[in-house]
């Protein structure tokens, strides 16, 4: 009798478990964020147009810098670089021109961070890159707006007469095609490595001729203190041409030096850029010379 009762009890438990799995679990899964509805339709707001929730980049933090002491600095040199986003290797920093659900261009990330107050901009980029004058929020917002005073329109009170009508144009990602970068190269004798720290980054907008539309060069907008930007960059994905499921972040891209650039200035007694004493092909050759000097310095540290 006891065995029959125990068998009946086991059968009852099994049927109860089956009932729970059949009727209760689907309701739980549909109630979870990003779950399916009763009709099996995905919620695009929760998934971001994917069938799974991407959490790696969203929950990632910037990898801390290695601790450094002045006593460990055997040698250092400060250089300034130019990143041209028109180069093929730098296209992940330029595209997409308009923000998408899963990624944004570098300038759109910076713009969003400045407007949200996550990061801060510093003024007078053409003359001062030492982060002395912090821009106010109104100044930052004014930087993202351009006014064209060359346009005219007909005066509604005086037909046939045209008056100036300034038009507003928002500064977008496709207007920024280059960046300045300030960084320090140094040899750490404690770790026996040549390392680099990015100090600041400066977006450059295109400067065009209003009459012809020809590009005349680039104009610096503001400087950003790079260590302050790292937490924001660490949560922003960058396009991976090989695998959409394994994308790196903006912080990974800069820390792994996965960009193309040219040196525009090195620390010198005159505090002048390369274009101040070289022109034409000599500018490129001088840039390569500075880069080669840094390489030779690292090599010579191991020379017996």
Protein backbone atom coordinates (compact mmCIF):
# COMPACT_ATOMS: atom_id res chain seq x y z
CA UNK A 1 0.00 0.00 0.00
CA UNK A 2 2.80 2.39 0.87
CA UNK A 3 4.49 1.73 -2.48
CA UNK A 4 1.25 2.44 -4.37
CA UNK A 5 0.75 5.69 -2.47
CA UNK A 6 4.34 6.78 -3.17
CA UNK A 7 3.91 6.00 -6.87
CA UNK A 8 0.70 8.05 -7.01
CA UNK A 9 2.50 10.90 -5.27
CA UNK A 10 5.37 10.80 -7.76
CA UNK A 11 2.95 10.77 -10.70
CA UNK A 12 1.13 13.76 -9.24
CA UNK A 13 4.39 15.69 -8.82
CA UNK A 14 5.47 14.90 -12.39
CA UNK A 15 2.17 16.11 -13.85
CA UNK A 16 2.38 19.26 -11.73
CA UNK A 17 5.87 20.04 -13.06
CA UNK A 18 4.72 19.48 -16.64
CA UNK A 19 1.77 21.81 -16.11
CA UNK A 20 4.02 24.52 -14.72
CA UNK A 21 6.44 24.23 -17.64
CA UNK A 22 3.59 24.26 -20.16
CA UNK A 23 1.52 27.18 -18.90
CA UNK A 24 3.63 29.28 -16.53
CA UNK A 25 7.05 29.54 -18.22
CA UNK A 26 5.76 31.06 -21.49
CA UNK A 27 4.06 33.79 -19.47
CA UNK A 28 7.30 34.51 -17.60
CA UNK A 29 9.36 34.70 -20.78
CA UNK A 30 6.84 37.08 -22.40
CA UNK A 31 6.92 39.31 -19.34
CA UNK A 32 10.72 39.59 -19.31
CA UNK A 33 12.34 42.67 -20.91
CA UNK A 34 13.01 41.90 -24.53
CA UNK A 35 10.86 38.76 -24.44
CA UNK A 36 8.34 37.74 -27.07
CA UNK A 37 4.70 38.69 -26.99
CA UNK A 38 1.82 36.23 -27.16
CA UNK A 39 2.08 36.22 -30.93
CA UNK A 40 5.82 35.50 -30.87
CA UNK A 41 6.79 38.99 -32.09
CA UNK A 42 10.06 40.46 -30.79
CA UNK A 43 10.10 43.80 -29.02
CA UNK A 44 12.50 46.00 -31.08
CA UNK A 45 12.65 48.66 -28.35
CA UNK A 46 14.17 46.15 -25.92
CA UNK A 47 16.51 44.39 -28.34
CA UNK A 48 17.55 47.26 -30.62
CA UNK A 49 16.66 45.37 -33.83
CA UNK A 50 18.50 42.23 -32.68
CA UNK A 51 17.13 39.00 -31.31
CA UNK A 52 19.31 39.17 -28.19
CA UNK A 53 20.26 41.87 -25.72
CA UNK A 54 23.76 43.32 -26.17
CA UNK A 55 25.20 43.92 -22.72
CA UNK A 56 28.98 43.64 -23.10
CA UNK A 57 29.67 47.15 -24.39
CA UNK A 58 26.83 48.73 -22.38
CA UNK A 59 28.21 47.43 -19.09
CA UNK A 60 31.90 47.83 -19.92
CA UNK A 61 34.23 50.15 -18.03
CA UNK A 62 37.47 51.68 -19.27
CA UNK A 63 40.55 49.62 -18.41
CA UNK A 64 42.55 51.60 -15.82
CA UNK A 65 45.92 53.01 -16.77
CA UNK A 66 49.05 51.36 -15.42
CA UNK A 67 50.31 53.31 -12.38
CA UNK A 68 53.27 55.51 -13.22
CA UNK A 69 55.88 57.32 -11.12
CA UNK A 70 58.20 60.12 -12.09
CA UNK A 71 61.14 57.95 -10.99
CA UNK A 72 60.19 55.39 -13.67
CA UNK A 73 60.20 57.92 -16.55
CA UNK A 74 63.55 57.43 -18.30
CA UNK A 75 62.50 59.31 -21.44
CA UNK A 76 59.41 61.05 -22.81
CA UNK A 77 58.35 63.11 -25.82
CA UNK A 78 55.11 64.96 -26.52
CA UNK A 79 53.73 64.85 -30.06
CA UNK A 80 50.62 66.14 -31.80
CA UNK A 81 48.93 64.12 -34.53
CA UNK A 82 46.33 64.61 -37.26
CA UNK A 83 43.72 61.90 -37.87
CA UNK A 84 42.21 62.23 -41.36
CA UNK A 85 38.88 60.40 -41.36
CA UNK A 86 38.90 60.26 -45.16
CA UNK A 87 41.54 57.52 -44.94
CA UNK A 88 40.11 54.04 -45.31
CA UNK A 89 41.54 52.76 -42.03
CA UNK A 90 39.78 55.58 -40.12
CA UNK A 91 36.32 55.10 -41.63
CA UNK A 92 34.93 53.40 -38.48
CA UNK A 93 35.43 56.75 -36.72
CA UNK A 94 33.52 58.67 -39.41
CA UNK A 95 30.57 56.42 -40.22
CA UNK A 96 27.63 56.30 -39.83
CA UNK A 97 26.93 59.89 -40.82
CA UNK A 98 23.58 59.70 -39.03
CA UNK A 99 23.28 57.81 -35.69
CA UNK A 100 21.96 54.25 -35.82
CA UNK A 101 20.47 52.11 -33.07
CA UNK A 102 23.66 50.14 -32.48
CA UNK A 103 26.45 52.63 -33.24
CA UNK A 104 27.36 56.26 -33.85
CA UNK A 105 30.28 58.16 -35.33
CA UNK A 106 32.96 59.55 -33.04
CA UNK A 107 31.66 63.11 -33.40
CA UNK A 108 28.07 62.11 -32.59
CA UNK A 109 29.31 60.36 -29.44
CA UNK A 110 31.25 63.49 -28.44
CA UNK A 111 28.28 65.74 -29.24
CA UNK A 112 25.90 63.63 -27.17
CA UNK A 113 28.35 63.50 -24.25
CA UNK A 114 28.81 67.28 -24.26
CA UNK A 115 25.09 68.02 -24.40
CA UNK A 116 24.42 65.50 -21.60
CA UNK A 117 27.21 66.96 -19.46
CA UNK A 118 29.12 63.67 -19.32
CA UNK A 119 32.27 65.28 -20.76
CA UNK A 120 33.47 68.87 -21.06
CA UNK A 121 35.01 70.97 -23.84
CA UNK A 122 37.83 73.49 -23.58
CA UNK A 123 37.96 76.72 -25.58
CA UNK A 124 40.56 78.42 -27.79
CA UNK A 125 41.69 75.23 -29.58
CA UNK A 126 43.89 76.97 -32.17
CA UNK A 127 46.16 78.60 -29.59
CA UNK A 128 45.76 76.68 -26.33
CA UNK A 129 45.62 72.91 -25.87
CA UNK A 130 46.32 72.89 -22.13
CA UNK A 131 42.67 72.67 -21.02
CA UNK A 132 42.64 76.00 -19.17
CA UNK A 133 39.29 77.52 -20.26
CA UNK A 134 36.27 75.24 -19.89
CA UNK A 135 33.37 76.10 -22.18
CA UNK A 136 29.91 76.66 -20.75
CA UNK A 137 26.93 74.63 -21.93
CA UNK A 138 25.59 77.59 -23.94
CA UNK A 139 28.96 77.99 -25.66
CA UNK A 140 29.02 74.29 -26.51
CA UNK A 141 25.49 74.43 -27.91
CA UNK A 142 26.47 77.47 -29.99
CA UNK A 143 29.39 75.54 -31.47
CA UNK A 144 27.01 72.97 -32.94
CA UNK A 145 25.02 75.66 -34.78
CA UNK A 146 26.25 77.52 -37.89
CA UNK A 147 24.66 80.61 -39.42
CA UNK A 148 25.01 81.45 -43.12
CA UNK A 149 24.67 85.23 -43.54
CA UNK A 150 25.13 85.18 -47.33
CA UNK A 151 21.57 84.04 -48.09
CA UNK A 152 18.87 86.58 -48.95
CA UNK A 153 15.08 86.52 -49.18
CA UNK A 154 12.35 88.83 -50.40
CA UNK A 155 11.11 91.45 -47.95
CA UNK A 156 7.40 90.68 -47.26
CA UNK A 157 6.75 94.36 -46.51
CA UNK A 158 8.47 95.58 -49.68
CA UNK A 159 8.00 93.20 -52.64
CA UNK A 160 10.90 93.14 -55.04
CA UNK A 161 13.42 94.02 -52.34
CA UNK A 162 15.74 91.36 -50.99
CA UNK A 163 17.14 91.45 -47.48
CA UNK A 164 19.67 89.25 -45.66
CA UNK A 165 18.11 86.12 -44.20
CA UNK A 166 20.62 84.15 -42.15
CA UNK A 167 19.92 80.43 -42.30
CA UNK A 168 20.71 78.02 -39.49
CA UNK A 169 22.64 74.83 -40.15
CA UNK A 170 23.39 72.27 -37.47
CA UNK A 171 26.93 70.95 -37.29
CA UNK A 172 26.72 67.24 -38.09
CA UNK A 173 29.06 64.32 -38.25
CA UNK A 174 29.73 64.66 -42.00
CA UNK A 175 31.12 68.18 -41.41
CA UNK A 176 33.93 66.81 -39.19
CA UNK A 177 36.49 64.89 -41.22
CA UNK A 178 39.66 65.26 -39.13
CA UNK A 179 40.90 65.33 -35.52
CA UNK A 180 43.93 66.66 -33.74
CA UNK A 181 45.41 64.45 -31.06
CA UNK A 182 47.86 65.28 -28.28
CA UNK A 183 49.81 62.44 -26.70
CA UNK A 184 52.90 61.59 -24.65
CA UNK A 185 55.32 58.82 -25.56
CA UNK A 186 57.50 57.58 -22.70
CA UNK A 187 59.75 54.73 -21.63
CA UNK A 188 58.84 53.12 -18.32
CA UNK A 189 61.91 51.46 -16.79
CA UNK A 190 59.80 49.72 -14.12
CA UNK A 191 57.88 47.76 -16.77
CA UNK A 192 60.61 48.01 -19.45
CA UNK A 193 58.16 49.15 -22.13
CA UNK A 194 57.67 52.08 -24.46
CA UNK A 195 54.12 53.29 -23.84
CA UNK A 196 51.87 56.14 -24.91
CA UNK A 197 49.12 58.17 -23.24
CA UNK A 198 46.60 60.17 -25.25
CA UNK A 199 46.12 63.51 -23.50
CA UNK A 200 43.56 65.31 -25.63
CA UNK A 201 41.53 65.17 -28.82
CA UNK A 202 40.18 68.03 -30.94
CA UNK A 203 37.52 67.67 -33.70
CA UNK A 204 38.13 69.67 -36.89
CA UNK A 205 35.29 70.88 -39.12
CA UNK A 206 35.68 71.55 -42.82
CA UNK A 207 36.30 75.15 -43.85
CA UNK A 208 34.72 75.86 -47.24
CA UNK A 209 34.61 78.79 -49.64
CA UNK A 210 31.02 80.17 -49.47
CA UNK A 211 31.09 81.24 -53.12
CA UNK A 212 32.49 78.09 -54.71
CA UNK A 213 32.01 75.44 -52.02
CA UNK A 214 35.63 74.31 -52.29
CA UNK A 215 37.23 72.89 -49.16
CA UNK A 216 39.93 75.26 -47.90
CA UNK A 217 41.07 73.26 -44.91
CA UNK A 218 39.93 72.50 -41.37
CA UNK A 219 39.00 74.65 -38.37
CA UNK A 220 39.45 73.32 -34.79
CA UNK A 221 36.30 73.35 -32.64
CA UNK A 222 37.40 72.58 -29.07
CA UNK A 223 39.70 70.32 -27.07
CA UNK A 224 38.56 67.33 -25.01
CA UNK A 225 40.52 65.80 -22.14
CA UNK A 226 40.86 62.21 -23.31
CA UNK A 227 40.96 60.45 -19.87
CA UNK A 228 37.61 62.10 -19.10
CA UNK A 229 36.17 60.74 -22.35
CA UNK A 230 37.27 57.13 -21.78
CA UNK A 231 34.24 56.00 -19.69
CA UNK A 232 31.93 57.24 -22.47
CA UNK A 233 34.04 55.73 -25.26
CA UNK A 234 34.21 52.39 -23.42
CA UNK A 235 30.42 52.00 -23.79
CA UNK A 236 30.27 52.86 -27.50
CA UNK A 237 30.67 50.15 -30.12
CA UNK A 238 32.71 50.54 -33.32
CA UNK A 239 31.93 48.68 -36.53
CA UNK A 240 33.79 45.41 -37.04
CA UNK A 241 34.16 44.40 -40.70
CA UNK A 242 34.69 40.74 -39.76
CA UNK A 243 32.08 40.03 -37.08
CA UNK A 244 29.04 42.03 -35.97
CA UNK A 245 28.76 39.95 -32.80
CA UNK A 246 32.25 40.84 -31.60
CA UNK A 247 32.70 44.58 -31.89
CA UNK A 248 35.29 46.62 -30.05
CA UNK A 249 34.57 49.95 -28.39
CA UNK A 250 35.91 53.42 -29.15
CA UNK A 251 38.16 53.15 -26.12
CA UNK A 252 39.54 49.83 -27.41
CA UNK A 253 40.24 51.40 -30.78
CA UNK A 254 42.29 54.25 -29.31
CA UNK A 255 44.09 52.15 -26.70
CA UNK A 256 45.05 49.52 -29.30
CA UNK A 257 46.18 52.28 -31.73
CA UNK A 258 43.88 51.02 -34.50
CA UNK A 259 43.86 54.28 -36.44
CA UNK A 260 45.99 56.00 -39.07
CA UNK A 261 47.58 59.37 -38.36
CA UNK A 262 50.49 61.66 -39.15
CA UNK A 263 52.59 63.72 -36.75
CA UNK A 264 52.03 67.46 -37.17
CA UNK A 265 54.18 68.69 -34.29
CA UNK A 266 56.71 67.53 -31.70
CA UNK A 267 57.80 69.28 -28.54
CA UNK A 268 60.46 71.85 -29.47
CA UNK A 269 62.03 75.03 -28.12
CA UNK A 270 60.11 77.20 -30.60
CA UNK A 271 56.75 75.50 -29.94
CA UNK A 272 56.06 75.45 -33.67
CA UNK A 273 54.40 72.82 -35.90
CA UNK A 274 56.15 71.09 -38.76
CA UNK A 275 54.42 73.23 -41.40
CA UNK A 276 56.11 76.31 -39.91
CA UNK A 277 59.53 75.22 -41.17
CA UNK A 278 58.76 72.68 -43.91
CA UNK A 279 56.46 72.54 -46.91
CA UNK A 280 55.32 70.10 -49.55
CA UNK A 281 56.76 66.61 -49.38
CA UNK A 282 59.18 67.72 -46.66
CA UNK A 283 56.28 67.89 -44.20
CA UNK A 284 55.60 64.18 -44.68
CA UNK A 285 59.29 63.31 -44.47
CA UNK A 286 59.69 65.30 -41.25
CA UNK A 287 56.64 63.56 -39.77
CA UNK A 288 58.16 60.18 -40.59
CA UNK A 289 61.47 61.28 -39.06
CA UNK A 290 59.82 62.07 -35.72
CA UNK A 291 58.04 58.71 -35.75
CA UNK A 292 61.29 56.95 -36.61
CA UNK A 293 63.13 58.72 -33.78
CA UNK A 294 60.62 57.35 -31.27
CA UNK A 295 61.08 53.85 -32.69
CA UNK A 296 64.86 54.14 -32.50
CA UNK A 297 64.71 55.36 -28.91
CA UNK A 298 62.79 52.24 -27.87
CA UNK A 299 65.22 50.05 -29.81
CA UNK A 300 68.27 51.72 -28.27
CA UNK A 301 66.99 51.06 -24.75
CA UNK A 302 67.75 47.37 -25.33
CA UNK A 303 71.09 47.95 -27.05
CA UNK A 304 74.04 46.57 -25.14
